[in-house]
Amino acid sequence: MAHIDERLPSRLVVVAGTYDGVLAGWDTVLHEKPQIEGDSTVKRNESNDGKYLKMSFALAAHEGSVRCLSVASAHVTTASASAQLSESNNKKRKRKQQEQENGTKEMIVEPGSMLSGGYDESIRIFHLHKHAEAGEFRSPSNLGTPTCSSFAPPSNSTVPSTHALVGLTSGKILLYRKKDWQVQHVLSGHEEKSGGVSCIAVHPSGKMALSGGVGDGRIVLWDLTKGRLAFVTKLPPLSSSKRTSGGRDVCIGHVCWSDDGNRYAFCRSNRVSVKDVGSGEDLLDVELPSRVNQVAFVGGEEGMFVAVACDDGSLPLLGVGNLSDSEEEAQERRAIMAIEPVDRLVAGEERFKCIESVKGGSGFLVVTANSGGVISVMDLEGGARMMLADDNDEEEEGKKKSDADSDDDEDVSSDEEEEDEDVAVEILESVRVGTGARVTNIAVWSYDDPSSKSLYDDDFKQLDAEDEVEEEKSESEEEEEEEEEEPTKGKTQMISTGKGRGNEIEMDQEALAKARELVSQAKKRQEKKKKQKKNKKKKKKET
């Protein structure tokens, strides 16, 4: 089995917004000030604690909930760029001569800018690679509150982002030029009386985007090169038996593109749909038992899948077909419940609020966030392999029938042993915002460098060696337990989030304490700012 770090990208950045207006970020790279001349301001985590994500910042960004959050595509710099700021002219000349002699410059790929919009109608810009704020401005007073946002090109693109889109409660979408943050276009395509814009997704090329409405049931395709509306899809209302209160049956909850840009998925109420961009045909259209909050594409050449974050705490994995599939294949779509729903009514702690796919790594990675503030990196490759294995088993069913009885018994026993070890989902890393923090949205940026070696090989080799010793000690005990218990049958093992689940999320107490401390400090700073504003208002009134 591959080490956990081999399935993860070289670098991963996760940012979460909360109802309290706090922004919290985790990174696999530590940011430190240069101590020696020539050092970069970014230093990798070389500690031997075996942790992948570490909290890098927490700040009170908005007076109210964080309504939208986006990260720009990669920011590429040279290894010596940051060090040159503090060097003298002579040292700069020497550095240039060394670089010319070497012939090449070491390139560093870092996350770009981060945009956050709050209920207070403010929009704040941060430089993630510098850990500094770049600016703050407010949305036009007559256009409402920010509800969603995305950079163009998006965070998973290899092309630097040049623009940013912000959807508002008025139904307008502001197209900002990232260079100077001036409004380049005001796009009109959704109704203000219906609640405005609910979601935005930019195509990987950055040349077009999709937006969904809160109450108008529209999905609008935008031509970003010309700054105008290209096409409008009006979705029919759901059946009366499946409608929910509050107009959720017409609200487009979330929309996303596949990495190749040939498919897009969206959800509304408890329905998930996937469409082909070229033909507009449905590749997937299913109803689930629970309301769907967000969707994300995972997979690659072997097969494309959609991971679904549901309100009942479940995480289904749905197979996406192709236009070349026959009618029978189209009707028999594969699906697996990677995480089962909870056995009780969900009050908000266990429901999956957000889900984002991670570029790089195994290709089946997602980052999820529940309302209780737990953010997890999950690998869904097991569930996808199970569905692909089922397809292969059906094709080879005729060949297996002609085998000898003895060979069949050996194959079945060996298959059962392998299948018992398979799980649909594996939680690779979990962090928490803090006690009582409610997550509203997340943003993910990742970079996978195939030439770089893992920084955690030694840590995991040591852990694997310890595990092997423990397995040898408990081997006899496990054999006795297996003789007493009946072997589990079936090709899928579910991981439940309710009582008695088989894969518990173990939180690091030190990291959790640090997160709580940072969040509490951010809240205190926010309270001080409020008091200062009140005092200024009182002084103005007195004068």
Protein backbone atom coordinates (compact mmCIF):
# COMPACT_ATOMS: atom_id res chain seq x y z
CA MET A 1 0.00 0.00 0.00
CA ALA A 2 1.27 3.49 -0.86
CA HIS A 3 2.30 5.87 1.86
CA ILE A 4 -0.22 8.56 2.74
CA ASP A 5 2.09 11.34 1.51
CA GLU A 6 2.36 9.76 -1.95
CA ARG A 7 -1.36 10.31 -2.46
CA LEU A 8 -1.16 13.96 -1.44
CA PRO A 9 0.05 16.89 -3.57
CA SER A 10 3.41 18.54 -2.95
CA ARG A 11 1.68 21.53 -1.40
CA LEU A 12 -1.86 22.13 -0.21
CA VAL A 13 -3.45 25.32 1.11
CA VAL A 14 -6.91 25.29 2.70
CA VAL A 15 -8.74 28.44 3.83
CA ALA A 16 -12.05 28.42 5.72
CA GLY A 17 -14.52 31.20 6.51
CA THR A 18 -16.89 31.17 9.47
CA TYR A 19 -20.15 32.76 10.60
CA ASP A 20 -18.13 34.93 13.01
CA GLY A 21 -16.23 36.59 10.16
CA VAL A 22 -13.00 34.74 10.92
CA LEU A 23 -10.66 33.45 8.20
CA ALA A 24 -8.44 30.50 9.13
CA GLY A 25 -5.80 28.99 6.87
CA TRP A 26 -3.76 25.78 6.84
CA ASP A 27 -0.64 25.16 4.77
CA THR A 28 1.95 22.45 4.29
CA VAL A 29 4.69 25.08 4.17
CA LEU A 30 5.73 27.27 7.10
CA HIS A 31 6.27 31.00 6.55
CA GLU A 32 9.21 32.55 8.41
CA LYS A 33 11.27 35.71 8.17
CA PRO A 34 14.71 35.25 6.57
CA GLN A 35 17.38 34.70 9.21
CA ILE A 36 20.37 34.29 6.86
CA GLU A 37 21.12 36.24 3.72
CA GLY A 38 19.85 34.38 0.70
CA ASP A 39 17.18 32.45 2.54
CA SER A 40 13.65 32.51 1.18
CA THR A 41 10.80 33.82 3.29
CA VAL A 42 9.10 30.48 2.80
CA LYS A 43 10.53 27.46 4.56
CA ARG A 44 9.18 23.97 4.36
CA ASN A 45 8.03 22.15 7.43
CA GLU A 46 10.97 19.92 8.31
CA SER A 47 9.71 18.83 11.74
CA ASN A 48 9.38 15.12 12.47
CA ASP A 49 5.85 15.25 13.83
CA GLY A 50 4.43 13.66 10.67
CA LYS A 51 1.75 16.36 10.24
CA TYR A 52 0.72 17.42 6.77
CA LEU A 53 -1.43 20.53 7.40
CA LYS A 54 -0.46 23.20 9.90
CA MET A 55 -2.47 26.30 10.78
CA SER A 56 -0.70 29.27 9.20
CA PHE A 57 -3.04 32.18 10.03
CA ALA A 58 -6.34 33.20 11.62
CA LEU A 59 -7.82 36.69 11.51
CA ALA A 60 -11.12 38.47 11.98
CA ALA A 61 -11.79 39.72 8.45
CA HIS A 62 -15.46 40.74 8.49
CA GLU A 63 -18.12 42.03 10.86
CA GLY A 64 -20.53 39.20 10.19
CA SER A 65 -20.38 35.94 8.28
CA VAL A 66 -17.95 35.23 5.45
CA ARG A 67 -20.17 34.86 2.40
CA CYS A 68 -17.61 33.99 -0.30
CA LEU A 69 -13.99 32.89 -0.49
CA SER A 70 -11.67 32.31 -3.47
CA VAL A 71 -7.95 31.75 -4.13
CA ALA A 72 -6.19 32.79 -7.33
CA SER A 73 -4.05 30.49 -9.46
CA ALA A 74 -0.35 29.92 -8.92
CA HIS A 75 2.07 32.76 -8.27
CA VAL A 76 5.50 31.87 -9.68
CA THR A 77 8.64 33.55 -8.33
CA THR A 78 12.36 32.81 -8.20
CA ALA A 79 13.96 31.44 -5.07
CA SER A 80 16.02 34.59 -4.62
CA ALA A 81 13.27 37.15 -5.26
CA SER A 82 12.33 37.65 -1.63
CA ALA A 83 15.92 37.72 -0.44
CA GLN A 84 16.85 40.44 -2.94
CA LEU A 85 14.58 42.92 -1.20
CA SER A 86 16.93 43.15 1.77
CA GLU A 87 20.24 42.89 -0.12
CA SER A 88 22.62 45.66 -1.07
CA ASN A 89 23.51 46.47 -4.69
CA ASN A 90 26.85 44.61 -4.49
CA LYS A 91 25.17 41.47 -3.16
CA LYS A 92 22.53 41.70 -5.89
CA ARG A 93 25.24 41.85 -8.55
CA LYS A 94 26.98 38.80 -7.07
CA ARG A 95 23.69 36.92 -7.01
CA LYS A 96 23.00 37.76 -10.64
CA GLN A 97 26.46 36.58 -11.63
CA GLN A 98 25.93 33.28 -9.80
CA GLU A 99 22.58 32.80 -11.51
CA GLN A 100 24.12 33.51 -14.92
CA GLU A 101 26.91 31.01 -14.24
CA ASN A 102 24.41 28.35 -13.16
CA GLY A 103 22.25 29.09 -16.19
CA THR A 104 18.97 28.37 -14.42
CA LYS A 105 16.89 29.89 -11.65
CA GLU A 106 15.03 27.90 -9.07
CA MET A 107 11.31 28.58 -9.50
CA ILE A 108 8.91 28.61 -6.55
CA VAL A 109 5.19 28.02 -7.16
CA GLU A 110 3.04 29.63 -4.47
CA PRO A 111 -0.67 30.37 -4.02
CA GLY A 112 -1.84 33.69 -5.44
CA SER A 113 -4.22 36.24 -3.99
CA MET A 114 -7.19 35.42 -1.78
CA LEU A 115 -10.53 37.22 -1.97
CA SER A 116 -13.14 37.17 0.78
CA GLY A 117 -16.55 38.83 0.83
CA GLY A 118 -18.59 39.35 3.97
CA TYR A 119 -22.08 40.11 5.15
CA ASP A 120 -20.80 43.63 5.96
CA GLU A 121 -20.57 44.21 2.17
CA SER A 122 -16.79 44.50 2.34
CA ILE A 123 -14.38 42.69 0.01
CA ARG A 124 -10.84 42.07 1.26
CA ILE A 125 -7.79 40.97 -0.74
CA PHE A 126 -4.82 39.10 0.75
CA HIS A 127 -1.46 37.92 -0.62
CA LEU A 128 -1.14 34.32 0.56
CA HIS A 129 2.48 34.05 -0.60
CA LYS A 130 3.38 37.12 1.51
CA HIS A 131 0.87 36.65 4.34
CA ALA A 132 -0.15 40.28 3.98
CA GLU A 133 -3.31 42.20 3.18
CA ALA A 134 -3.36 43.80 -0.27
CA GLY A 135 -6.44 46.00 0.06
CA GLU A 136 -10.05 46.40 1.08
CA PHE A 137 -13.05 47.90 -0.69
CA ARG A 138 -16.82 47.69 -0.53
CA SER A 139 -19.32 46.47 -3.09
CA PRO A 140 -21.46 49.23 -4.64
CA SER A 141 -24.18 50.20 -2.16
CA ASN A 142 -27.00 49.75 -4.65
CA LEU A 143 -25.93 46.24 -5.73
CA GLY A 144 -26.24 44.35 -2.44
CA THR A 145 -24.08 41.91 -0.48
CA PRO A 146 -21.47 39.52 -1.96
CA THR A 147 -22.71 35.94 -2.10
CA CYS A 148 -20.15 34.05 -4.25
CA SER A 149 -16.86 34.62 -6.03
CA SER A 150 -14.23 33.04 -8.28
CA PHE A 151 -11.00 34.03 -9.98
CA ALA A 152 -10.47 33.80 -13.74
CA PRO A 153 -8.62 31.59 -14.54
CA PRO A 154 -9.52 29.58 -11.41
CA SER A 155 -7.17 28.31 -8.71
CA ASN A 156 -6.53 24.94 -10.42
CA SER A 157 -5.29 26.58 -13.64
CA THR A 158 -1.64 26.82 -14.66
CA VAL A 159 -2.27 30.32 -16.07
CA PRO A 160 -2.09 33.25 -13.60
CA SER A 161 -5.44 34.76 -12.67
CA THR A 162 -6.16 38.14 -14.27
CA HIS A 163 -9.75 38.83 -13.17
CA ALA A 164 -12.16 38.09 -10.35
CA LEU A 165 -15.93 37.63 -10.40
CA VAL A 166 -18.16 38.51 -7.43
CA GLY A 167 -21.88 37.66 -7.38
CA LEU A 168 -24.29 39.86 -5.41
CA THR A 169 -27.76 39.66 -3.90
CA SER A 170 -28.98 42.11 -6.54
CA GLY A 171 -28.46 39.49 -9.26
CA LYS A 172 -25.46 41.35 -10.71
CA ILE A 173 -21.95 39.94 -11.17
CA LEU A 174 -19.00 42.31 -10.91
CA LEU A 175 -16.00 41.51 -13.09
CA TYR A 176 -12.92 43.02 -11.44
CA ARG A 177 -9.57 43.51 -13.11
CA LYS A 178 -7.05 41.97 -10.72
CA LYS A 179 -4.28 44.37 -11.70
CA ASP A 180 -5.89 47.43 -10.07
CA TRP A 181 -9.20 45.98 -8.77
CA GLN A 182 -11.30 48.22 -10.97
CA VAL A 183 -14.75 47.07 -12.14
CA GLN A 184 -14.42 46.15 -15.81
CA HIS A 185 -17.96 44.85 -16.42
CA VAL A 186 -21.26 44.59 -14.56
CA LEU A 187 -23.00 41.41 -15.75
CA SER A 188 -26.80 41.16 -15.51
CA GLY A 189 -28.44 37.74 -15.80
CA HIS A 190 -30.26 36.90 -12.57
CA GLU A 191 -33.31 38.36 -10.86
CA GLU A 192 -32.91 40.56 -7.79
CA LYS A 193 -36.35 39.70 -6.42
CA SER A 194 -35.44 35.99 -6.47
CA GLY A 195 -32.41 36.43 -4.20
CA GLY A 196 -29.60 37.15 -6.65
CA VAL A 197 -26.62 34.96 -7.55
CA SER A 198 -25.99 31.78 -5.56
CA CYS A 199 -22.81 30.34 -7.15
CA ILE A 200 -20.12 31.03 -9.75
CA ALA A 201 -17.69 28.64 -11.47
CA VAL A 202 -15.05 29.76 -14.00
CA HIS A 203 -13.97 27.44 -16.80
CA PRO A 204 -10.37 26.13 -16.51
CA SER A 205 -9.46 28.22 -19.57
CA GLY A 206 -10.70 31.37 -17.84
CA LYS A 207 -12.64 32.43 -20.94
CA MET A 208 -16.14 31.59 -19.76
CA ALA A 209 -18.04 31.04 -16.54
CA LEU A 210 -21.27 29.58 -15.19
CA SER A 211 -23.50 31.17 -12.57
CA GLY A 212 -26.59 29.91 -10.77
CA GLY A 213 -29.51 31.85 -9.34
CA VAL A 214 -30.95 31.68 -5.85
CA GLY A 215 -34.61 31.60 -6.83
CA ASP A 216 -34.90 32.03 -10.60
CA GLY A 217 -33.81 28.47 -11.53
CA ARG A 218 -31.36 29.79 -14.11
CA ILE A 219 -27.87 28.66 -15.09
CA VAL A 220 -26.19 31.40 -17.11
CA LEU A 221 -23.14 30.93 -19.35
CA TRP A 222 -20.95 34.05 -19.55
CA ASP A 223 -18.43 35.00 -22.23
CA LEU A 224 -15.68 36.60 -20.17
CA THR A 225 -13.60 37.64 -23.20
CA LYS A 226 -16.40 40.00 -24.27
CA GLY A 227 -18.01 40.52 -20.87
CA ARG A 228 -21.52 39.56 -21.87
CA LEU A 229 -24.16 36.86 -21.51
CA ALA A 230 -23.79 33.91 -23.88
CA PHE A 231 -26.59 31.46 -23.00
CA VAL A 232 -29.31 30.95 -20.38
CA THR A 233 -30.70 27.59 -19.25
CA LYS A 234 -34.03 27.73 -17.44
CA LEU A 235 -34.43 24.56 -15.40
CA PRO A 236 -37.93 23.11 -14.97
CA PRO A 237 -39.24 22.91 -11.37
CA LEU A 238 -38.87 19.67 -9.50
CA SER A 239 -41.83 17.41 -8.85
CA SER A 240 -44.13 18.55 -6.05
CA SER A 241 -43.28 15.50 -3.92
CA LYS A 242 -39.59 16.42 -3.89
CA ARG A 243 -39.94 20.15 -3.25
CA THR A 244 -38.62 21.66 -0.07
CA SER A 245 -39.61 24.77 1.80
CA GLY A 246 -38.04 28.16 1.20
CA GLY A 247 -37.72 27.80 -2.59
CA ARG A 248 -34.79 25.40 -2.39
CA ASP A 249 -36.20 23.37 -5.27
CA VAL A 250 -35.27 26.14 -7.72
CA CYS A 251 -32.08 27.38 -6.02
CA ILE A 252 -28.88 26.30 -7.81
CA GLY A 253 -26.88 25.34 -4.74
CA HIS A 254 -23.51 24.81 -6.40
CA VAL A 255 -21.92 24.48 -9.84
CA CYS A 256 -18.44 23.25 -10.84
CA TRP A 257 -16.39 22.30 -13.90
CA SER A 258 -14.37 19.16 -14.51
CA ASP A 259 -10.59 19.59 -14.86
CA ASP A 260 -10.71 19.00 -18.62
CA GLY A 261 -13.52 21.55 -19.01
CA ASN A 262 -15.72 19.14 -20.99
CA ARG A 263 -18.34 18.60 -18.24
CA TYR A 264 -20.03 20.64 -15.56
CA ALA A 265 -22.11 19.58 -12.57
CA PHE A 266 -24.67 21.40 -10.47
CA CYS A 267 -27.07 20.62 -7.66
CA ARG A 268 -30.43 21.92 -6.46
CA SER A 269 -32.41 20.56 -3.55
CA ASN A 270 -31.69 16.80 -3.56
CA ARG A 271 -30.90 16.45 -7.29
CA VAL A 272 -27.44 16.19 -8.88
CA SER A 273 -26.95 16.73 -12.61
CA VAL A 274 -23.91 16.47 -14.89
CA LYS A 275 -23.98 17.78 -18.46
CA ASP A 276 -21.69 17.55 -21.47
CA VAL A 277 -20.50 20.99 -22.58
CA GLY A 278 -20.40 20.30 -26.31
CA SER A 279 -23.82 18.72 -26.75
CA GLY A 280 -25.68 19.82 -23.63
CA GLU A 281 -26.79 16.22 -23.03
CA ASP A 282 -27.28 14.82 -19.53
CA LEU A 283 -24.49 12.51 -18.39
CA LEU A 284 -26.03 12.10 -14.95
CA ASP A 285 -29.32 13.17 -13.39
CA VAL A 286 -30.22 11.54 -10.07
CA GLU A 287 -32.19 12.31 -6.92
CA LEU A 288 -30.69 11.58 -3.51
CA PRO A 289 -32.43 11.02 -0.17
CA SER A 290 -31.03 14.21 1.35
CA ARG A 291 -30.52 17.82 0.31
CA VAL A 292 -27.25 18.37 -1.55
CA ASN A 293 -25.01 21.27 -0.50
CA GLN A 294 -22.07 21.02 -2.92
CA VAL A 295 -20.52 18.71 -5.54
CA ALA A 296 -16.98 18.10 -6.82
CA PHE A 297 -15.39 16.16 -9.70
CA VAL A 298 -12.77 13.48 -8.99
CA GLY A 299 -11.10 10.85 -11.18
CA GLY A 300 -9.34 10.88 -14.51
CA GLU A 301 -8.82 8.78 -17.62
CA GLU A 302 -10.04 5.55 -16.02
CA GLY A 303 -13.34 7.13 -15.03
CA MET A 304 -14.97 10.36 -13.91
CA PHE A 305 -16.93 10.60 -10.66
CA VAL A 306 -18.84 13.21 -8.68
CA ALA A 307 -18.50 13.45 -4.90
CA VAL A 308 -21.55 14.89 -3.17
CA ALA A 309 -21.74 16.69 0.21
CA CYS A 310 -25.18 16.06 1.72
CA ASP A 311 -27.15 17.60 4.56
CA ASP A 312 -27.62 14.29 6.39
CA GLY A 313 -23.87 13.77 6.81
CA SER A 314 -23.54 11.33 3.91
CA LEU A 315 -21.02 11.49 1.07
CA PRO A 316 -22.16 9.60 -2.05
CA LEU A 317 -19.77 8.96 -4.95
CA LEU A 318 -21.54 8.86 -8.32
CA GLY A 319 -20.14 7.54 -11.59
CA VAL A 320 -20.33 9.90 -14.58
CA GLY A 321 -20.82 8.35 -17.99
CA ASN A 322 -19.90 9.37 -21.53
CA LEU A 323 -21.99 10.22 -24.59
CA SER A 324 -20.76 7.00 -26.22
CA ASP A 325 -22.42 4.86 -23.54
CA SER A 326 -25.36 2.71 -24.58
CA GLU A 327 -28.87 3.24 -23.18
CA GLU A 328 -28.44 0.32 -20.77
CA GLU A 329 -25.14 1.72 -19.48
CA ALA A 330 -26.69 5.15 -19.13
CA GLN A 331 -29.56 3.75 -17.05
CA GLU A 332 -27.24 1.65 -14.86
CA ARG A 333 -25.02 4.34 -13.39
CA ARG A 334 -22.64 3.16 -10.68
CA ALA A 335 -22.87 4.75 -7.23
CA ILE A 336 -21.51 4.05 -3.77
CA MET A 337 -22.20 5.60 -0.38
CA ALA A 338 -18.63 6.44 0.66
CA ILE A 339 -19.84 7.81 4.02
CA GLU A 340 -23.21 6.73 5.33
CA PRO A 341 -25.75 9.22 6.72
CA VAL A 342 -26.01 9.63 10.47
CA ASP A 343 -28.66 7.64 12.33
CA ARG A 344 -30.13 10.70 14.01
CA LEU A 345 -31.41 14.13 13.04
CA VAL A 346 -28.51 16.35 12.09
CA ALA A 347 -28.50 19.55 14.11
CA GLY A 348 -25.60 21.02 12.16
CA GLU A 349 -22.52 19.32 13.57
CA GLU A 350 -22.28 16.36 11.18
CA ARG A 351 -23.70 17.70 7.93
CA PHE A 352 -21.24 18.31 5.12
CA LYS A 353 -21.31 21.99 4.32
CA CYS A 354 -18.58 22.21 1.67
CA ILE A 355 -16.55 19.97 -0.62
CA GLU A 356 -13.71 20.90 -3.00
CA SER A 357 -11.59 18.69 -5.23
CA VAL A 358 -7.79 18.72 -4.92
CA LYS A 359 -5.65 18.87 -8.04
CA GLY A 360 -2.69 16.51 -8.02
CA GLY A 361 -1.95 13.59 -5.75
CA SER A 362 -4.02 10.50 -6.41
CA GLY A 363 -6.64 12.43 -8.41
CA PHE A 364 -9.38 11.29 -6.04
CA LEU A 365 -8.73 13.73 -3.19
CA VAL A 366 -11.34 16.09 -1.78
CA VAL A 367 -11.39 18.57 1.09
CA THR A 368 -14.62 18.58 3.09
CA ALA A 369 -15.92 20.81 5.87
CA ASN A 370 -18.83 20.12 8.16
CA SER A 371 -20.81 22.63 10.14
CA GLY A 372 -18.97 21.66 13.32
CA GLY A 373 -15.75 23.19 12.01
CA VAL A 374 -13.93 19.94 11.12
CA ILE A 375 -12.02 20.12 7.83
CA SER A 376 -10.82 16.81 6.38
CA VAL A 377 -8.69 15.68 3.45
CA MET A 378 -10.24 12.48 2.08
CA ASP A 379 -9.15 9.94 -0.52
CA LEU A 380 -12.08 8.48 -2.49
CA GLU A 381 -9.99 6.22 -4.70
CA GLY A 382 -11.21 3.12 -2.82
CA GLY A 383 -14.84 3.80 -3.70
CA ALA A 384 -13.97 4.50 -7.32
CA ARG A 385 -11.93 1.30 -7.57
CA MET A 386 -14.84 -0.67 -6.17
CA MET A 387 -17.15 0.61 -8.90
CA LEU A 388 -14.55 -0.03 -11.60
CA ALA A 389 -13.92 -3.52 -10.19
CA ASP A 390 -17.65 -4.29 -10.33
CA ASP A 391 -17.68 -3.43 -14.02
CA ASN A 392 -14.69 -5.69 -14.68
CA ASP A 393 -16.25 -8.52 -12.67
CA GLU A 394 -19.41 -8.43 -14.77
CA GLU A 395 -17.39 -8.59 -18.01
CA GLU A 396 -15.37 -11.58 -16.81
CA GLU A 397 -18.28 -13.42 -15.21
CA GLY A 398 -18.56 -15.86 -18.09
CA LYS A 399 -14.89 -16.78 -17.91
CA LYS A 400 -15.06 -17.46 -14.18
CA LYS A 401 -17.93 -19.95 -14.62
CA SER A 402 -15.76 -22.22 -16.80
CA ASP A 403 -12.97 -22.47 -14.19
CA ALA A 404 -12.51 -25.57 -12.06
CA ASP A 405 -14.24 -25.80 -8.67
CA SER A 406 -10.97 -25.90 -6.77
CA ASP A 407 -9.64 -22.87 -8.55
CA ASP A 408 -12.92 -21.04 -7.89
CA ASP A 409 -12.66 -21.70 -4.16
CA GLU A 410 -9.10 -20.38 -4.01
CA ASP A 411 -9.95 -17.29 -6.08
CA VAL A 412 -13.03 -16.49 -4.00
CA SER A 413 -11.15 -16.80 -0.71
CA SER A 414 -8.28 -14.62 -1.94
CA ASP A 415 -10.70 -12.06 -3.39
CA GLU A 416 -12.63 -11.88 -0.12
CA GLU A 417 -9.42 -11.22 1.81
CA GLU A 418 -8.51 -8.35 -0.52
CA GLU A 419 -12.05 -6.98 -0.57
CA ASP A 420 -12.28 -6.98 3.20
CA GLU A 421 -9.30 -4.63 3.31
CA ASP A 422 -10.86 -2.13 0.87
CA VAL A 423 -12.69 0.94 2.13
CA ALA A 424 -14.64 3.46 0.11
CA VAL A 425 -13.00 6.51 1.71
CA GLU A 426 -9.93 7.16 3.81
CA ILE A 427 -9.48 10.26 5.93
CA LEU A 428 -5.85 11.33 5.46
CA GLU A 429 -5.82 14.50 7.56
CA SER A 430 -8.27 16.40 9.79
CA VAL A 431 -8.04 19.83 11.38
CA ARG A 432 -10.50 22.02 13.23
CA VAL A 433 -11.18 25.74 13.14
CA GLY A 434 -11.91 25.96 16.87
CA THR A 435 -14.55 25.29 19.45
CA GLY A 436 -17.96 26.62 18.41
CA ALA A 437 -16.78 27.86 14.99
CA ARG A 438 -19.27 27.30 12.15
CA VAL A 439 -17.79 27.01 8.66
CA THR A 440 -19.58 28.83 5.85
CA ASN A 441 -17.25 28.10 2.93
CA ILE A 442 -13.76 26.89 2.03
CA ALA A 443 -11.19 27.54 -0.70
CA VAL A 444 -8.47 25.11 -1.79
CA TRP A 445 -5.22 25.59 -3.69
CA SER A 446 -2.78 22.78 -4.48
CA TYR A 447 0.38 22.18 -6.45
CA ASP A 448 1.93 18.84 -7.36
CA ASP A 449 5.60 18.81 -8.30
CA PRO A 450 6.43 15.37 -9.76
CA SER A 451 10.18 15.98 -9.47
CA SER A 452 10.12 16.84 -5.79
CA LYS A 453 10.59 14.15 -3.18
CA SER A 454 8.28 13.83 -0.26
CA LEU A 455 9.29 15.64 2.90
CA TYR A 456 7.69 13.01 5.06
CA ASP A 457 9.20 9.76 3.80
CA ASP A 458 11.38 9.31 6.89
CA ASP A 459 8.46 10.04 9.20
CA PHE A 460 6.16 7.54 7.54
CA LYS A 461 8.88 4.90 7.22
CA GLN A 462 9.37 5.12 10.97
CA LEU A 463 5.62 4.93 11.53
CA ASP A 464 5.33 1.96 9.17
CA ALA A 465 8.15 0.15 11.00
CA GLU A 466 6.36 0.67 14.32
CA ASP A 467 3.10 -0.53 12.79
CA GLU A 468 4.78 -3.68 11.47
CA VAL A 469 6.11 -4.50 14.95
CA GLU A 470 2.67 -3.97 16.46
CA GLU A 471 1.06 -6.09 13.74
CA GLU A 472 3.46 -8.96 14.43
CA LYS A 473 2.71 -8.80 18.16
CA SER A 474 -1.04 -8.80 17.66
CA GLU A 475 -1.10 -11.25 14.73
CA SER A 476 -2.02 -14.23 16.90
CA GLU A 477 -4.78 -12.28 18.65
CA GLU A 478 -6.29 -11.18 15.33
CA GLU A 479 -6.30 -14.75 14.03
CA GLU A 480 -8.22 -15.90 17.12
CA GLU A 481 -10.76 -13.11 16.67
CA GLU A 482 -11.22 -13.98 12.99
CA GLU A 483 -11.93 -17.61 13.90
CA GLU A 484 -14.64 -16.56 16.36
CA GLU A 485 -16.24 -13.91 14.13
CA GLU A 486 -17.77 -14.57 10.72
CA PRO A 487 -15.90 -12.95 7.81
CA THR A 488 -17.58 -9.89 6.28
CA LYS A 489 -18.95 -10.40 2.83
CA GLY A 490 -19.62 -7.93 0.06
CA LYS A 491 -17.42 -5.70 -2.00
CA THR A 492 -18.01 -2.41 -0.20
CA GLN A 493 -17.32 -1.36 3.33
CA MET A 494 -19.11 1.80 4.37
CA ILE A 495 -17.70 4.33 6.79
CA SER A 496 -20.48 5.78 8.92
CA THR A 497 -20.34 9.18 10.57
CA GLY A 498 -22.81 8.12 13.22
CA LYS A 499 -22.32 6.02 16.32
CA GLY A 500 -19.88 3.16 16.06
CA ARG A 501 -18.19 4.35 12.87
CA GLY A 502 -15.10 2.48 11.81
CA ASN A 503 -12.86 5.46 10.96
CA GLU A 504 -12.85 8.04 13.73
CA ILE A 505 -11.33 11.47 13.16
CA GLU A 506 -8.45 11.89 15.61
CA MET A 507 -7.76 15.54 16.33
CA ASP A 508 -4.27 16.67 17.32
CA GLN A 509 -4.66 18.37 20.70
CA GLU A 510 -1.72 20.75 20.19
CA ALA A 511 -2.95 21.89 16.77
CA LEU A 512 -6.49 22.23 18.11
CA ALA A 513 -5.30 24.34 21.05
CA LYS A 514 -3.33 26.56 18.69
CA ALA A 515 -6.36 26.97 16.43
CA ARG A 516 -8.54 27.92 19.38
CA GLU A 517 -5.99 30.45 20.58
CA LEU A 518 -5.62 32.07 17.15
CA VAL A 519 -9.39 32.26 16.63
CA SER A 520 -9.93 33.75 20.10
CA GLN A 521 -7.23 36.35 19.43
CA ALA A 522 -8.87 37.22 16.13
CA LYS A 523 -12.22 37.67 17.85
CA LYS A 524 -10.65 39.91 20.52
CA ARG A 525 -9.11 42.10 17.83
CA GLN A 526 -12.48 42.32 16.15
CA GLU A 527 -14.15 43.42 19.40
CA LYS A 528 -11.47 46.09 19.95
CA LYS A 529 -12.09 47.47 16.47
CA LYS A 530 -15.81 47.66 17.17
CA LYS A 531 -15.20 49.54 20.43
CA GLN A 532 -12.84 51.94 18.70
CA LYS A 533 -15.43 52.67 16.03
CA LYS A 534 -18.10 53.29 18.67
CA ASN A 535 -15.79 55.67 20.55
CA LYS A 536 -15.02 57.59 17.37
CA LYS A 537 -18.73 57.94 16.62
CA LYS A 538 -19.37 59.22 20.16
CA LYS A 539 -16.57 61.79 19.85
CA LYS A 540 -17.93 63.00 16.51
CA LYS A 541 -21.41 63.40 18.01
CA GLU A 542 -20.01 65.32 21.01
CA THR A 543 -18.06 67.67 18.78
